[in-house]
Amino acid sequence: MLSLVLLGAVIGALVHARRDPTRRSPARTGELIVRYTLVAYCGLPMLLISIGILVAPEGMAEILPVGPSAPIVAFFGWAYLGMSLAAVLAPWYSASALLAAALPWAVYFAGATVVHLHGPGGHGHGGALLVFATHGLVSVILVAGLAMARPGARVAPPG
């Protein structure tokens, strides 16, 4: 399901970038891809997940193989909450805010890819492809978008 959200975010950014031919550029496209990915994938869905972790930690406790009252579960929920709020709010600030929000998510999803590839579900072609599609691809999109956006490039905030 989240793979479709990611696909929708990238398509939305590309459509947005192509709407105004007078402002069309690789830098604008890269910045819009980062903005859309941050809000639509790293922001709103992960905000809901973080609230779920904080309200009902049992689900995350199963993933982390610890008890629901283990401090790491609460820490993970609060960290996800902070990162998702930064992702939602970054597009309304400067290009530096985009970098500050995108970089932790890119590192997180790259790390999650490595962890999952070494885990039981990441072996074989199907498992590795699924892990990359749900984790590694987010890192690639964020890093590529940041690389496309020139330093200091600025797109007017949404709204």
Protein backbone atom coordinates (compact mmCIF):
# COMPACT_ATOMS: atom_id res chain seq x y z
CA MET A 1 0.00 0.00 0.00
CA LEU A 2 2.75 2.47 0.91
CA SER A 3 4.48 1.69 -2.40
CA LEU A 4 1.42 3.14 -4.15
CA VAL A 5 1.62 6.22 -1.93
CA LEU A 6 5.28 6.63 -2.93
CA LEU A 7 4.42 6.22 -6.62
CA GLY A 8 1.62 8.77 -6.26
CA ALA A 9 3.98 11.24 -4.57
CA VAL A 10 6.56 11.00 -7.35
CA ILE A 11 3.93 11.25 -10.10
CA GLY A 12 2.31 14.21 -8.32
CA ALA A 13 5.67 15.98 -8.11
CA LEU A 14 6.40 15.37 -11.80
CA VAL A 15 2.95 16.63 -12.84
CA HIS A 16 3.38 19.70 -10.61
CA ALA A 17 6.84 20.38 -12.08
CA ARG A 18 5.50 20.18 -15.65
CA ARG A 19 2.47 22.43 -15.08
CA ASP A 20 4.39 25.68 -15.51
CA PRO A 21 6.73 25.48 -18.51
CA THR A 22 8.31 28.87 -17.70
CA ARG A 23 9.65 27.54 -14.37
CA ARG A 24 10.54 24.03 -15.55
CA SER A 25 14.04 22.92 -14.56
CA PRO A 26 15.80 19.88 -13.10
CA ALA A 27 16.38 21.81 -9.85
CA ARG A 28 12.67 22.61 -9.48
CA THR A 29 11.73 19.02 -10.31
CA GLY A 30 14.20 17.65 -7.76
CA GLU A 31 12.97 19.95 -5.03
CA LEU A 32 9.33 19.10 -5.76
CA ILE A 33 10.11 15.37 -5.66
CA VAL A 34 11.68 15.85 -2.23
CA ARG A 35 8.73 17.96 -1.03
CA TYR A 36 6.08 15.51 -2.22
CA THR A 37 7.96 12.45 -0.92
CA LEU A 38 8.49 14.08 2.47
CA VAL A 39 4.84 15.02 2.97
CA ALA A 40 3.07 12.11 1.24
CA TYR A 41 5.34 9.25 2.31
CA CYS A 42 7.65 10.24 5.16
CA GLY A 43 5.21 12.70 6.71
CA LEU A 44 1.53 11.90 6.96
CA PRO A 45 1.59 8.06 6.89
CA MET A 46 4.55 7.89 9.28
CA LEU A 47 2.82 10.41 11.57
CA LEU A 48 -0.11 8.00 11.83
CA ILE A 49 2.27 5.10 12.45
CA SER A 50 4.07 7.04 15.20
CA ILE A 51 0.78 7.84 16.93
CA GLY A 52 -0.16 4.16 16.65
CA ILE A 53 3.15 3.16 18.26
CA LEU A 54 2.66 5.60 21.14
CA VAL A 55 -1.00 4.66 21.72
CA ALA A 56 -0.71 0.89 21.20
CA PRO A 57 2.96 -0.17 21.46
CA GLU A 58 2.19 -3.90 21.18
CA GLY A 59 2.45 -3.90 17.37
CA MET A 60 5.89 -2.31 17.31
CA ALA A 61 7.00 -4.51 20.21
CA GLU A 62 6.39 -7.56 17.99
CA ILE A 63 8.55 -6.07 15.21
CA LEU A 64 11.38 -5.15 17.61
CA PRO A 65 11.04 -8.49 19.56
CA VAL A 66 10.80 -6.77 22.94
CA GLY A 67 7.99 -6.19 25.40
CA PRO A 68 5.56 -3.31 24.72
CA SER A 69 6.79 -1.51 27.85
CA ALA A 70 10.44 -1.61 26.72
CA PRO A 71 11.88 1.91 26.48
CA ILE A 72 13.04 1.33 22.89
CA VAL A 73 9.41 1.07 21.72
CA ALA A 74 8.50 4.47 23.18
CA PHE A 75 11.76 5.95 21.90
CA PHE A 76 10.99 4.65 18.41
CA GLY A 77 7.48 6.15 18.54
CA TRP A 78 8.75 9.57 19.64
CA ALA A 79 11.59 9.53 17.08
CA TYR A 80 9.14 8.62 14.30
CA LEU A 81 6.81 11.38 15.50
CA GLY A 82 9.58 13.99 15.36
CA MET A 83 10.85 12.88 11.96
CA SER A 84 7.36 12.75 10.47
CA LEU A 85 6.46 16.22 11.78
CA ALA A 86 9.70 17.58 10.31
CA ALA A 87 8.79 15.96 6.98
CA VAL A 88 5.30 17.49 6.99
CA LEU A 89 6.50 20.99 7.94
CA ALA A 90 9.75 21.21 5.91
CA PRO A 91 8.14 22.24 2.58
CA TRP A 92 6.91 25.48 4.14
CA TYR A 93 10.44 26.50 5.10
CA SER A 94 13.75 26.87 3.25
CA ALA A 95 15.74 24.43 1.15
CA SER A 96 17.84 23.84 4.28
CA ALA A 97 14.72 22.57 6.04
CA LEU A 98 14.16 20.13 3.17
CA LEU A 99 17.69 18.79 3.59
CA ALA A 100 17.28 18.60 7.37
CA ALA A 101 14.05 16.59 7.01
CA ALA A 102 15.06 14.44 4.02
CA LEU A 103 18.50 13.33 5.21
CA PRO A 104 17.35 11.45 8.36
CA TRP A 105 14.63 9.68 6.37
CA ALA A 106 17.09 8.73 3.60
CA VAL A 107 19.52 7.31 6.16
CA TYR A 108 16.72 5.58 8.09
CA PHE A 109 15.29 3.87 5.00
CA ALA A 110 18.77 2.91 3.73
CA GLY A 111 19.52 1.38 7.14
CA ALA A 112 16.14 -0.37 7.21
CA THR A 113 16.95 -1.84 3.80
CA VAL A 114 20.24 -3.28 5.07
CA VAL A 115 18.60 -4.65 8.22
CA HIS A 116 15.73 -6.26 6.29
CA LEU A 117 18.04 -7.76 3.65
CA HIS A 118 19.94 -9.51 6.44
CA GLY A 119 16.69 -10.63 8.09
CA PRO A 120 14.55 -13.66 7.26
CA GLY A 121 12.29 -11.88 4.72
CA GLY A 122 15.04 -10.30 2.64
CA HIS A 123 16.50 -13.43 1.07
CA GLY A 124 15.74 -14.36 -2.51
CA HIS A 125 14.84 -12.19 -5.45
CA GLY A 126 11.24 -11.50 -4.40
CA GLY A 127 12.16 -10.61 -0.83
CA ALA A 128 15.02 -8.34 -1.85
CA LEU A 129 12.85 -6.59 -4.45
CA LEU A 130 10.07 -6.02 -1.91
CA VAL A 131 12.54 -4.66 0.65
CA PHE A 132 14.02 -2.29 -1.93
CA ALA A 133 10.59 -1.16 -3.17
CA THR A 134 9.37 -0.35 0.34
CA HIS A 135 12.57 1.02 1.89
CA GLY A 136 15.59 1.49 -0.36
CA LEU A 137 13.68 3.23 -3.12
CA VAL A 138 12.61 5.98 -0.71
CA SER A 139 16.28 6.68 0.05
CA VAL A 140 17.15 6.74 -3.65
CA ILE A 141 14.27 9.12 -4.44
CA LEU A 142 15.16 11.50 -1.60
CA VAL A 143 18.89 11.55 -2.37
CA ALA A 144 18.31 11.91 -6.12
CA GLY A 145 15.82 14.73 -5.53
CA LEU A 146 18.26 16.53 -3.24
CA ALA A 147 21.04 16.08 -5.79
CA MET A 148 18.85 17.51 -8.57
CA ALA A 149 17.88 20.56 -6.53
CA ARG A 150 20.61 23.17 -6.74
CA PRO A 151 21.92 24.48 -3.42
CA GLY A 152 19.94 27.59 -2.65
CA ALA A 153 17.23 26.75 -5.19
CA ARG A 154 13.86 27.83 -3.88
CA VAL A 155 10.35 26.95 -4.95
CA ALA A 156 7.45 28.94 -3.51
CA PRO A 157 5.77 27.09 -0.63
CA PRO A 158 2.50 25.31 -1.38
CA GLY A 159 -0.70 27.22 -0.84
